[in-house]
């Protein structure tokens, strides 16, 4: 009897935490708003990429792989809710979360300047990457019509979205409080 209870208790560790469920629900709601509502309300000729901005902000707030998983899940939700080929945003959001976490991960502790800089760089990398990914998948892309005219407005709009999403993502990150990763500390 005790061994079965011990096994059940050990199996419970594999269940996602309530914070992970909350983060997944938050990203699902953002993906739904991004793909169903925001195409009708463009700002400066661009629509904000709410999931991308949230994943990048989350990646700057922590060190670890949680942002990668949420980047993949958020990108997959955007792919499922939009007309984009399945896996395009999932791959790109995961790669961008990896780069943002590697370059800025765990640095944000006192201000919002670092996540804002990461959002600007991520947006500047995302839009050409998504156009290239669509072109590689057989979609006709007119680079001259899309990139120069939409990149700067998209950066500005995503920066505004980062200002709105910074504190909700920060609260979510504090609530989920990911475990620190083990580090090697040499002997002195």
C-alpha atoms as a PDB file:
ATOM      1  CA  UNK A   1       0.000   0.000   0.000  1.00  0.00           C
ATOM      2  CA  UNK A   2       2.777   2.414   0.884  1.00  0.00           C
ATOM      3  CA  UNK A   3       4.644   1.673  -2.331  1.00  0.00           C
ATOM      4  CA  UNK A   4       1.585   2.493  -4.434  1.00  0.00           C
ATOM      5  CA  UNK A   5       1.104   5.780  -2.616  1.00  0.00           C
ATOM      6  CA  UNK A   6       4.771   6.590  -3.100  1.00  0.00           C
ATOM      7  CA  UNK A   7       4.480   5.837  -6.812  1.00  0.00           C
ATOM      8  CA  UNK A   8       1.365   8.004  -7.101  1.00  0.00           C
ATOM      9  CA  UNK A   9       3.091  10.845  -5.305  1.00  0.00           C
ATOM     10  CA  UNK A  10       6.120  10.543  -7.568  1.00  0.00           C
ATOM     11  CA  UNK A  11       3.846  10.519 -10.629  1.00  0.00           C
ATOM     12  CA  UNK A  12       2.251  13.773  -9.491  1.00  0.00           C
ATOM     13  CA  UNK A  13       5.560  15.558 -10.084  1.00  0.00           C
ATOM     14  CA  UNK A  14       5.096  15.026 -13.814  1.00  0.00           C
ATOM     15  CA  UNK A  15       1.889  17.031 -13.866  1.00  0.00           C
ATOM     16  CA  UNK A  16       2.283  20.665 -14.911  1.00  0.00           C
ATOM     17  CA  UNK A  17       2.084  23.187 -12.092  1.00  0.00           C
ATOM     18  CA  UNK A  18      -0.846  25.587 -11.844  1.00  0.00           C
ATOM     19  CA  UNK A  19       1.533  28.350 -12.936  1.00  0.00           C
ATOM     20  CA  UNK A  20       2.393  26.439 -16.111  1.00  0.00           C
ATOM     21  CA  UNK A  21      -1.297  25.995 -16.855  1.00  0.00           C
ATOM     22  CA  UNK A  22      -1.858  29.709 -16.246  1.00  0.00           C
ATOM     23  CA  UNK A  23       1.002  30.612 -18.594  1.00  0.00           C
ATOM     24  CA  UNK A  24      -0.387  28.293 -21.288  1.00  0.00           C
ATOM     25  CA  UNK A  25      -3.885  29.767 -20.882  1.00  0.00           C
ATOM     26  CA  UNK A  26      -2.435  33.297 -21.011  1.00  0.00           C
ATOM     27  CA  UNK A  27      -0.576  32.524 -24.254  1.00  0.00           C
ATOM     28  CA  UNK A  28      -3.655  30.836 -25.736  1.00  0.00           C
ATOM     29  CA  UNK A  29      -5.754  33.924 -25.011  1.00  0.00           C
ATOM     30  CA  UNK A  30      -3.084  36.190 -26.493  1.00  0.00           C
ATOM     31  CA  UNK A  31      -2.855  33.980 -29.604  1.00  0.00           C
ATOM     32  CA  UNK A  32      -6.620  34.037 -29.995  1.00  0.00           C
ATOM     33  CA  UNK A  33      -6.781  37.835 -29.665  1.00  0.00           C
ATOM     34  CA  UNK A  34      -3.777  38.254 -31.975  1.00  0.00           C
ATOM     35  CA  UNK A  35      -5.219  36.107 -34.760  1.00  0.00           C
ATOM     36  CA  UNK A  36      -8.930  36.876 -34.516  1.00  0.00           C
ATOM     37  CA  UNK A  37      -9.360  40.441 -33.224  1.00  0.00           C
ATOM     38  CA  UNK A  38      -6.190  42.399 -33.997  1.00  0.00           C
ATOM     39  CA  UNK A  39      -6.215  41.895 -37.796  1.00  0.00           C
ATOM     40  CA  UNK A  40      -9.206  44.273 -37.807  1.00  0.00           C
ATOM     41  CA  UNK A  41      -7.424  46.893 -35.678  1.00  0.00           C
ATOM     42  CA  UNK A  42      -4.071  47.606 -37.273  1.00  0.00           C
ATOM     43  CA  UNK A  43      -1.952  50.341 -35.721  1.00  0.00           C
ATOM     44  CA  UNK A  44       0.359  52.262 -38.075  1.00  0.00           C
ATOM     45  CA  UNK A  45      -0.332  49.601 -40.696  1.00  0.00           C
ATOM     46  CA  UNK A  46       0.914  46.749 -38.491  1.00  0.00           C
ATOM     47  CA  UNK A  47      -0.608  44.442 -35.952  1.00  0.00           C
ATOM     48  CA  UNK A  48       1.137  43.612 -32.688  1.00  0.00           C
ATOM     49  CA  UNK A  49       2.579  40.159 -32.210  1.00  0.00           C
ATOM     50  CA  UNK A  50       1.397  39.668 -28.638  1.00  0.00           C
ATOM     51  CA  UNK A  51       2.679  36.116 -28.221  1.00  0.00           C
ATOM     52  CA  UNK A  52       6.135  36.946 -29.570  1.00  0.00           C
ATOM     53  CA  UNK A  53       6.406  39.964 -27.275  1.00  0.00           C
ATOM     54  CA  UNK A  54       5.300  37.930 -24.239  1.00  0.00           C
ATOM     55  CA  UNK A  55       7.728  35.112 -24.967  1.00  0.00           C
ATOM     56  CA  UNK A  56      10.630  37.533 -25.422  1.00  0.00           C
ATOM     57  CA  UNK A  57       9.802  39.374 -22.190  1.00  0.00           C
ATOM     58  CA  UNK A  58       9.565  36.049 -20.351  1.00  0.00           C
ATOM     59  CA  UNK A  59      12.894  34.906 -21.823  1.00  0.00           C
ATOM     60  CA  UNK A  60      14.610  38.049 -20.507  1.00  0.00           C
ATOM     61  CA  UNK A  61      13.232  37.529 -17.009  1.00  0.00           C
ATOM     62  CA  UNK A  62      14.567  34.054 -16.360  1.00  0.00           C
ATOM     63  CA  UNK A  63      17.343  31.639 -16.991  1.00  0.00           C
ATOM     64  CA  UNK A  64      16.328  28.190 -18.146  1.00  0.00           C
ATOM     65  CA  UNK A  65      14.327  26.373 -20.736  1.00  0.00           C
ATOM     66  CA  UNK A  66      10.804  27.329 -19.690  1.00  0.00           C
ATOM     67  CA  UNK A  67      10.694  30.212 -22.186  1.00  0.00           C
ATOM     68  CA  UNK A  68      11.608  27.761 -24.957  1.00  0.00           C
ATOM     69  CA  UNK A  69       8.637  25.549 -24.146  1.00  0.00           C
ATOM     70  CA  UNK A  70       6.296  28.500 -23.900  1.00  0.00           C
ATOM     71  CA  UNK A  71       7.736  29.926 -27.126  1.00  0.00           C
ATOM     72  CA  UNK A  72       7.036  26.671 -28.930  1.00  0.00           C
ATOM     73  CA  UNK A  73       3.539  26.369 -27.416  1.00  0.00           C
ATOM     74  CA  UNK A  74       2.685  30.006 -28.146  1.00  0.00           C
ATOM     75  CA  UNK A  75       3.967  29.780 -31.716  1.00  0.00           C
ATOM     76  CA  UNK A  76       2.025  26.561 -32.256  1.00  0.00           C
ATOM     77  CA  UNK A  77      -1.147  28.254 -30.985  1.00  0.00           C
ATOM     78  CA  UNK A  78      -0.584  31.185 -33.356  1.00  0.00           C
ATOM     79  CA  UNK A  79      -0.094  28.679 -36.198  1.00  0.00           C
ATOM     80  CA  UNK A  80      -3.265  26.799 -35.271  1.00  0.00           C
ATOM     81  CA  UNK A  81      -5.391  29.943 -34.988  1.00  0.00           C
ATOM     82  CA  UNK A  82      -4.035  31.617 -38.145  1.00  0.00           C
ATOM     83  CA  UNK A  83      -3.574  30.694 -41.782  1.00  0.00           C
ATOM     84  CA  UNK A  84       0.203  30.336 -41.427  1.00  0.00           C
ATOM     85  CA  UNK A  85       1.680  26.946 -42.313  1.00  0.00           C
ATOM     86  CA  UNK A  86       1.782  24.742 -39.236  1.00  0.00           C
ATOM     87  CA  UNK A  87       5.081  24.966 -37.399  1.00  0.00           C
ATOM     88  CA  UNK A  88       6.324  28.233 -38.863  1.00  0.00           C
ATOM     89  CA  UNK A  89       5.735  30.408 -35.820  1.00  0.00           C
ATOM     90  CA  UNK A  90       6.401  27.531 -33.425  1.00  0.00           C
ATOM     91  CA  UNK A  91       9.919  27.173 -34.801  1.00  0.00           C
ATOM     92  CA  UNK A  92      10.586  30.906 -35.055  1.00  0.00           C
ATOM     93  CA  UNK A  93       9.262  31.741 -31.566  1.00  0.00           C
ATOM     94  CA  UNK A  94      11.348  28.925 -30.076  1.00  0.00           C
ATOM     95  CA  UNK A  95      14.504  30.154 -31.822  1.00  0.00           C
ATOM     96  CA  UNK A  96      13.842  33.754 -30.825  1.00  0.00           C
ATOM     97  CA  UNK A  97      13.193  32.709 -27.206  1.00  0.00           C
ATOM     98  CA  UNK A  98      16.485  30.795 -27.268  1.00  0.00           C
ATOM     99  CA  UNK A  99      18.430  33.804 -28.564  1.00  0.00           C
ATOM    100  CA  UNK A 100      16.655  36.261 -26.230  1.00  0.00           C
ATOM    101  CA  UNK A 101      17.214  33.972 -23.253  1.00  0.00           C
ATOM    102  CA  UNK A 102      20.850  33.417 -24.171  1.00  0.00           C
ATOM    103  CA  UNK A 103      21.598  37.065 -24.731  1.00  0.00           C
ATOM    104  CA  UNK A 104      19.386  38.686 -22.113  1.00  0.00           C
ATOM    105  CA  UNK A 105      18.168  35.819 -19.903  1.00  0.00           C
ATOM    106  CA  UNK A 106      18.065  36.582 -16.220  1.00  0.00           C
ATOM    107  CA  UNK A 107      19.341  40.121 -16.763  1.00  0.00           C
ATOM    108  CA  UNK A 108      16.017  41.856 -16.177  1.00  0.00           C
ATOM    109  CA  UNK A 109      15.698  42.466 -12.475  1.00  0.00           C
ATOM    110  CA  UNK A 110      15.128  46.171 -12.027  1.00  0.00           C
ATOM    111  CA  UNK A 111      13.938  47.864 -15.203  1.00  0.00           C
ATOM    112  CA  UNK A 112      12.037  47.399 -18.423  1.00  0.00           C
ATOM    113  CA  UNK A 113      14.781  48.691 -20.744  1.00  0.00           C
ATOM    114  CA  UNK A 114      16.356  45.276 -21.370  1.00  0.00           C
ATOM    115  CA  UNK A 115      13.075  43.548 -22.329  1.00  0.00           C
ATOM    116  CA  UNK A 116      12.254  46.526 -24.570  1.00  0.00           C
ATOM    117  CA  UNK A 117      15.610  46.204 -26.341  1.00  0.00           C
ATOM    118  CA  UNK A 118      15.067  42.464 -26.685  1.00  0.00           C
ATOM    119  CA  UNK A 119      11.594  43.053 -28.181  1.00  0.00           C
ATOM    120  CA  UNK A 120      13.022  45.494 -30.740  1.00  0.00           C
ATOM    121  CA  UNK A 121      15.742  43.025 -31.766  1.00  0.00           C
ATOM    122  CA  UNK A 122      13.323  40.085 -31.801  1.00  0.00           C
ATOM    123  CA  UNK A 123      10.839  41.963 -33.981  1.00  0.00           C
ATOM    124  CA  UNK A 124      13.604  43.024 -36.356  1.00  0.00           C
ATOM    125  CA  UNK A 125      14.655  39.364 -36.640  1.00  0.00           C
ATOM    126  CA  UNK A 126      11.146  37.859 -36.726  1.00  0.00           C
ATOM    127  CA  UNK A 127       9.603  39.665 -39.684  1.00  0.00           C
ATOM    128  CA  UNK A 128      12.344  38.882 -42.246  1.00  0.00           C
ATOM    129  CA  UNK A 129      12.528  35.332 -40.853  1.00  0.00           C
ATOM    130  CA  UNK A 130       8.812  34.711 -41.219  1.00  0.00           C
ATOM    131  CA  UNK A 131       8.873  36.072 -44.782  1.00  0.00           C
ATOM    132  CA  UNK A 132      11.793  33.775 -45.603  1.00  0.00           C
ATOM    133  CA  UNK A 133      10.058  30.800 -43.976  1.00  0.00           C
ATOM    134  CA  UNK A 134       6.882  31.467 -45.957  1.00  0.00           C
ATOM    135  CA  UNK A 135       8.858  31.804 -49.172  1.00  0.00           C
ATOM    136  CA  UNK A 136      10.667  28.517 -48.494  1.00  0.00           C
ATOM    137  CA  UNK A 137       7.276  26.863 -48.043  1.00  0.00           C
ATOM    138  CA  UNK A 138       6.131  27.973 -51.486  1.00  0.00           C
ATOM    139  CA  UNK A 139       4.261  31.173 -50.686  1.00  0.00           C
ATOM    140  CA  UNK A 140       4.921  34.039 -53.108  1.00  0.00           C
ATOM    141  CA  UNK A 141       6.469  36.843 -51.065  1.00  0.00           C
ATOM    142  CA  UNK A 142       7.063  40.319 -52.448  1.00  0.00           C
ATOM    143  CA  UNK A 143       9.891  41.452 -50.183  1.00  0.00           C
ATOM    144  CA  UNK A 144       9.816  45.062 -51.379  1.00  0.00           C
ATOM    145  CA  UNK A 145       6.142  45.414 -50.486  1.00  0.00           C
ATOM    146  CA  UNK A 146       6.333  43.799 -47.058  1.00  0.00           C
ATOM    147  CA  UNK A 147       9.651  44.382 -45.381  1.00  0.00           C
ATOM    148  CA  UNK A 148      10.565  48.087 -45.760  1.00  0.00           C
ATOM    149  CA  UNK A 149       7.045  49.395 -45.309  1.00  0.00           C
ATOM    150  CA  UNK A 150       6.069  47.180 -42.367  1.00  0.00           C
ATOM    151  CA  UNK A 151       9.195  46.510 -40.337  1.00  0.00           C
ATOM    152  CA  UNK A 152       9.524  49.901 -38.616  1.00  0.00           C
ATOM    153  CA  UNK A 153       5.796  50.198 -37.803  1.00  0.00           C
ATOM    154  CA  UNK A 154       5.877  46.621 -36.483  1.00  0.00           C
ATOM    155  CA  UNK A 155       8.823  47.468 -34.216  1.00  0.00           C
ATOM    156  CA  UNK A 156       7.002  50.511 -32.844  1.00  0.00           C
ATOM    157  CA  UNK A 157       3.724  48.613 -32.367  1.00  0.00           C
ATOM    158  CA  UNK A 158       5.449  45.676 -30.668  1.00  0.00           C
ATOM    159  CA  UNK A 159       7.317  48.076 -28.410  1.00  0.00           C
ATOM    160  CA  UNK A 160       3.944  49.522 -27.385  1.00  0.00           C
ATOM    161  CA  UNK A 161       2.627  46.004 -26.835  1.00  0.00           C
ATOM    162  CA  UNK A 162       5.684  45.295 -24.673  1.00  0.00           C
ATOM    163  CA  UNK A 163       4.821  48.309 -22.514  1.00  0.00           C
ATOM    164  CA  UNK A 164       1.311  46.930 -22.010  1.00  0.00           C
ATOM    165  CA  UNK A 165       2.333  43.281 -21.512  1.00  0.00           C
ATOM    166  CA  UNK A 166       5.433  43.812 -19.348  1.00  0.00           C
ATOM    167  CA  UNK A 167       3.725  43.817 -15.960  1.00  0.00           C
ATOM    168  CA  UNK A 168       1.225  40.992 -16.665  1.00  0.00           C
ATOM    169  CA  UNK A 169       4.091  38.791 -17.912  1.00  0.00           C
ATOM    170  CA  UNK A 170       6.212  39.795 -14.919  1.00  0.00           C
ATOM    171  CA  UNK A 171       3.388  38.856 -12.539  1.00  0.00           C
ATOM    172  CA  UNK A 172       2.931  35.559 -14.348  1.00  0.00           C
ATOM    173  CA  UNK A 173       6.671  34.859 -14.157  1.00  0.00           C
ATOM    174  CA  UNK A 174       6.717  35.605 -10.427  1.00  0.00           C
ATOM    175  CA  UNK A 175       3.714  33.362  -9.882  1.00  0.00           C
ATOM    176  CA  UNK A 176       5.184  30.483 -11.822  1.00  0.00           C
ATOM    177  CA  UNK A 177       8.683  31.134 -10.355  1.00  0.00           C
ATOM    178  CA  UNK A 178      10.663  28.645 -12.335  1.00  0.00           C
ATOM    179  CA  UNK A 179      13.295  26.663 -10.490  1.00  0.00           C
ATOM    180  CA  UNK A 180      16.852  27.906 -10.930  1.00  0.00           C
ATOM    181  CA  UNK A 181      19.060  25.807 -13.145  1.00  0.00           C
ATOM    182  CA  UNK A 182      22.090  24.139 -11.598  1.00  0.00           C
ATOM    183  CA  UNK A 183      25.337  25.973 -12.198  1.00  0.00           C
ATOM    184  CA  UNK A 184      28.947  24.992 -11.813  1.00  0.00           C
ATOM    185  CA  UNK A 185      30.907  26.993  -9.314  1.00  0.00           C
ATOM    186  CA  UNK A 186      34.595  26.292  -9.382  1.00  0.00           C
ATOM    187  CA  UNK A 187      36.679  25.865  -6.271  1.00  0.00           C
ATOM    188  CA  UNK A 188      38.815  28.860  -5.394  1.00  0.00           C
END
